C-alpha atoms as a PDB file:
ATOM      1  CA  MET A   1      36.655  10.526  -2.488  1.00  0.00           C
ATOM      2  CA  GLU A   2      37.583   6.989  -3.447  1.00  0.00           C
ATOM      3  CA  ILE A   3      34.109   5.986  -4.616  1.00  0.00           C
ATOM      4  CA  PHE A   4      34.544   7.537  -8.051  1.00  0.00           C
ATOM      5  CA  ALA A   5      38.286   7.103  -8.530  1.00  0.00           C
ATOM      6  CA  ASP A   6      37.841   5.553 -11.986  1.00  0.00           C
ATOM      7  CA  ASN A   7      34.482   7.091 -12.848  1.00  0.00           C
ATOM      8  CA  PRO A   8      34.606  10.835 -13.599  1.00  0.00           C
ATOM      9  CA  ILE A   9      31.054  10.870 -14.977  1.00  0.00           C
ATOM     10  CA  GLY A  10      29.761   9.223 -11.808  1.00  0.00           C
ATOM     11  CA  LEU A  11      31.593  11.838  -9.742  1.00  0.00           C
ATOM     12  CA  LYS A  12      29.973  14.674 -11.713  1.00  0.00           C
ATOM     13  CA  ILE A  13      26.525  13.149 -11.250  1.00  0.00           C
ATOM     14  CA  TRP A  14      27.161  12.546  -7.536  1.00  0.00           C
ATOM     15  CA  ASN A  15      28.207  16.156  -7.010  1.00  0.00           C
ATOM     16  CA  ALA A  16      25.300  17.508  -9.076  1.00  0.00           C
ATOM     17  CA  VAL A  17      22.755  15.507  -7.093  1.00  0.00           C
ATOM     18  CA  TRP A  18      24.073  16.738  -3.755  1.00  0.00           C
ATOM     19  CA  ARG A  19      23.960  20.357  -4.970  1.00  0.00           C
ATOM     20  CA  LEU A  20      20.193  20.158  -5.579  1.00  0.00           C
ATOM     21  CA  PRO A  21      18.294  22.677  -3.407  1.00  0.00           C
ATOM     22  CA  ALA A  22      16.011  19.976  -1.967  1.00  0.00           C
ATOM     23  CA  LEU A  23      19.031  18.082  -0.612  1.00  0.00           C
ATOM     24  CA  GLN A  24      20.613  21.029   1.178  1.00  0.00           C
ATOM     25  CA  PRO A  25      20.502  20.857   4.983  1.00  0.00           C
ATOM     26  CA  SER A  26      18.554  23.409   6.986  1.00  0.00           C
ATOM     27  CA  LYS A  27      20.329  25.863   9.276  1.00  0.00           C
ATOM     28  CA  GLN A  28      21.846  24.213  12.312  1.00  0.00           C
ATOM     29  CA  GLY A  29      19.587  24.331  15.347  1.00  0.00           C
ATOM     30  CA  THR A  30      16.354  24.856  13.426  1.00  0.00           C
ATOM     31  CA  SER A  31      13.374  22.597  13.771  1.00  0.00           C
ATOM     32  CA  PRO A  32      11.720  20.657  12.236  1.00  0.00           C
ATOM     33  CA  THR A  33      14.287  18.825  10.200  1.00  0.00           C
ATOM     34  CA  LYS A  34      13.803  18.679   6.461  1.00  0.00           C
ATOM     35  CA  LEU A  35      14.475  16.242   3.629  1.00  0.00           C
ATOM     36  CA  GLY A  36      17.892  17.803   3.109  1.00  0.00           C
ATOM     37  CA  ASP A  37      18.908  16.994   6.683  1.00  0.00           C
ATOM     38  CA  ALA A  38      18.032  13.322   6.273  1.00  0.00           C
ATOM     39  CA  ALA A  39      19.706  13.271   2.861  1.00  0.00           C
ATOM     40  CA  GLN A  40      22.936  14.620   4.321  1.00  0.00           C
ATOM     41  CA  VAL A  41      22.932  11.870   6.953  1.00  0.00           C
ATOM     42  CA  LEU A  42      22.474   9.315   4.180  1.00  0.00           C
ATOM     43  CA  LYS A  43      25.300  10.912   2.187  1.00  0.00           C
ATOM     44  CA  GLY A  44      27.554  10.785   5.233  1.00  0.00           C
ATOM     45  CA  ASN A  45      26.762   7.116   5.784  1.00  0.00           C
ATOM     46  CA  ILE A  46      27.501   6.294   2.149  1.00  0.00           C
ATOM     47  CA  MET A  47      30.782   8.181   2.328  1.00  0.00           C
ATOM     48  CA  GLN A  48      31.770   6.380   5.535  1.00  0.00           C
ATOM     49  CA  ILE A  49      31.033   2.937   4.153  1.00  0.00           C
ATOM     50  CA  TYR A  50      32.268   3.294   0.582  1.00  0.00           C
ATOM     51  CA  GLY A  51      34.483   6.362   0.629  1.00  0.00           C
ATOM     52  CA  ASN A  52      36.410   5.778   3.855  1.00  0.00           C
ATOM     53  CA  ALA A  53      35.273   9.154   5.202  1.00  0.00           C
ATOM     54  CA  THR A  54      35.470   9.824   8.920  1.00  0.00           C
ATOM     55  CA  SER A  55      32.318  10.238  10.956  1.00  0.00           C
ATOM     56  CA  VAL A  56      31.255  13.732  11.992  1.00  0.00           C
ATOM     57  CA  ASP A  57      30.726  12.552  15.568  1.00  0.00           C
ATOM     58  CA  GLY A  58      33.598  10.064  15.585  1.00  0.00           C
ATOM     59  CA  ALA A  59      31.336   7.005  15.800  1.00  0.00           C
ATOM     60  CA  PRO A  60      32.795   3.914  14.150  1.00  0.00           C
ATOM     61  CA  VAL A  61      31.079   2.125  11.295  1.00  0.00           C
ATOM     62  CA  ALA A  62      29.509  -1.128  12.433  1.00  0.00           C
ATOM     63  CA  LYS A  63      31.212  -4.153  10.958  1.00  0.00           C
ATOM     64  CA  GLY A  64      30.232  -7.770  10.996  1.00  0.00           C
ATOM     65  CA  ALA A  65      28.536 -10.567   9.154  1.00  0.00           C
ATOM     66  CA  LEU A  66      24.788 -10.655   8.768  1.00  0.00           C
ATOM     67  CA  ASP A  67      24.833 -14.377   8.083  1.00  0.00           C
ATOM     68  CA  GLY A  68      22.368 -16.235  10.223  1.00  0.00           C
ATOM     69  CA  LEU A  69      20.270 -13.204  11.073  1.00  0.00           C
ATOM     70  CA  LEU A  70      17.200 -14.652   9.412  1.00  0.00           C
ATOM     71  CA  GLU A  71      17.737 -18.057  10.978  1.00  0.00           C
ATOM     72  CA  GLY A  72      18.228 -16.761  14.483  1.00  0.00           C
ATOM     73  CA  THR A  73      17.274 -13.817  16.601  1.00  0.00           C
ATOM     74  CA  LEU A  74      15.357 -11.804  14.025  1.00  0.00           C
ATOM     75  CA  TYR A  75      13.247 -14.791  13.028  1.00  0.00           C
ATOM     76  CA  LEU A  76      12.327 -15.628  16.618  1.00  0.00           C
ATOM     77  CA  GLY A  77      11.130 -12.086  17.252  1.00  0.00           C
ATOM     78  CA  LEU A  78       9.080 -12.044  14.087  1.00  0.00           C
ATOM     79  CA  GLN A  79       7.662 -15.475  14.868  1.00  0.00           C
ATOM     80  CA  GLN A  80       6.307 -14.270  18.215  1.00  0.00           C
ATOM     81  CA  TYR A  81       4.793 -11.207  16.544  1.00  0.00           C
ATOM     82  CA  TYR A  82       3.221 -13.376  13.849  1.00  0.00           C
ATOM     83  CA  LYS A  83       1.694 -15.702  16.432  1.00  0.00           C
ATOM     84  CA  LYS A  84       0.029 -12.780  18.217  1.00  0.00           C
ATOM     85  CA  VAL A  85      -1.056 -10.694  15.245  1.00  0.00           C
ATOM     86  CA  ALA A  86      -1.930 -13.405  12.735  1.00  0.00           C
ATOM     87  CA  ASN A  87      -4.026 -15.246  15.284  1.00  0.00           C
ATOM     88  CA  LEU A  88      -5.917 -12.065  16.165  1.00  0.00           C
ATOM     89  CA  SER A  89      -6.339 -11.173  12.500  1.00  0.00           C
ATOM     90  CA  ALA A  90      -7.681 -14.637  11.694  1.00  0.00           C
ATOM     91  CA  ARG A  91     -10.215 -14.411  14.533  1.00  0.00           C
ATOM     92  CA  MET A  92     -11.290 -10.948  13.438  1.00  0.00           C
ATOM     93  CA  LEU A  93     -11.651 -12.101   9.842  1.00  0.00           C
ATOM     94  CA  ALA A  94     -13.623 -15.176  10.918  1.00  0.00           C
ATOM     95  CA  GLY A  95     -15.936 -12.936  12.931  1.00  0.00           C
ATOM     96  CA  LEU A  96     -16.535 -10.727   9.919  1.00  0.00           C
ATOM     97  CA  LEU A  97     -17.276 -13.652   7.653  1.00  0.00           C
ATOM     98  CA  ILE A  98     -19.869 -15.227   9.953  1.00  0.00           C
END
């Protein structure tokens, strides 16, 4: 675990948190999933990104720059949503105020 190589106190806290009963996964194959199941996925993701751990299913970690995301594709999608929803909301509000 490279995350806490120079931080023994951080390592102790990390281990203590993940030993909490609420963060333990449920038995495999049981449904519905619980908080512990989601927490273990989050822990695995953190360990993959910052601790160089391998993925349980062998999936690679996505890499790339997020620069330009707000100026490009994401913005255009949100703009279309805003045009539809904001316009409808404004009309509904105007109808309520009259």
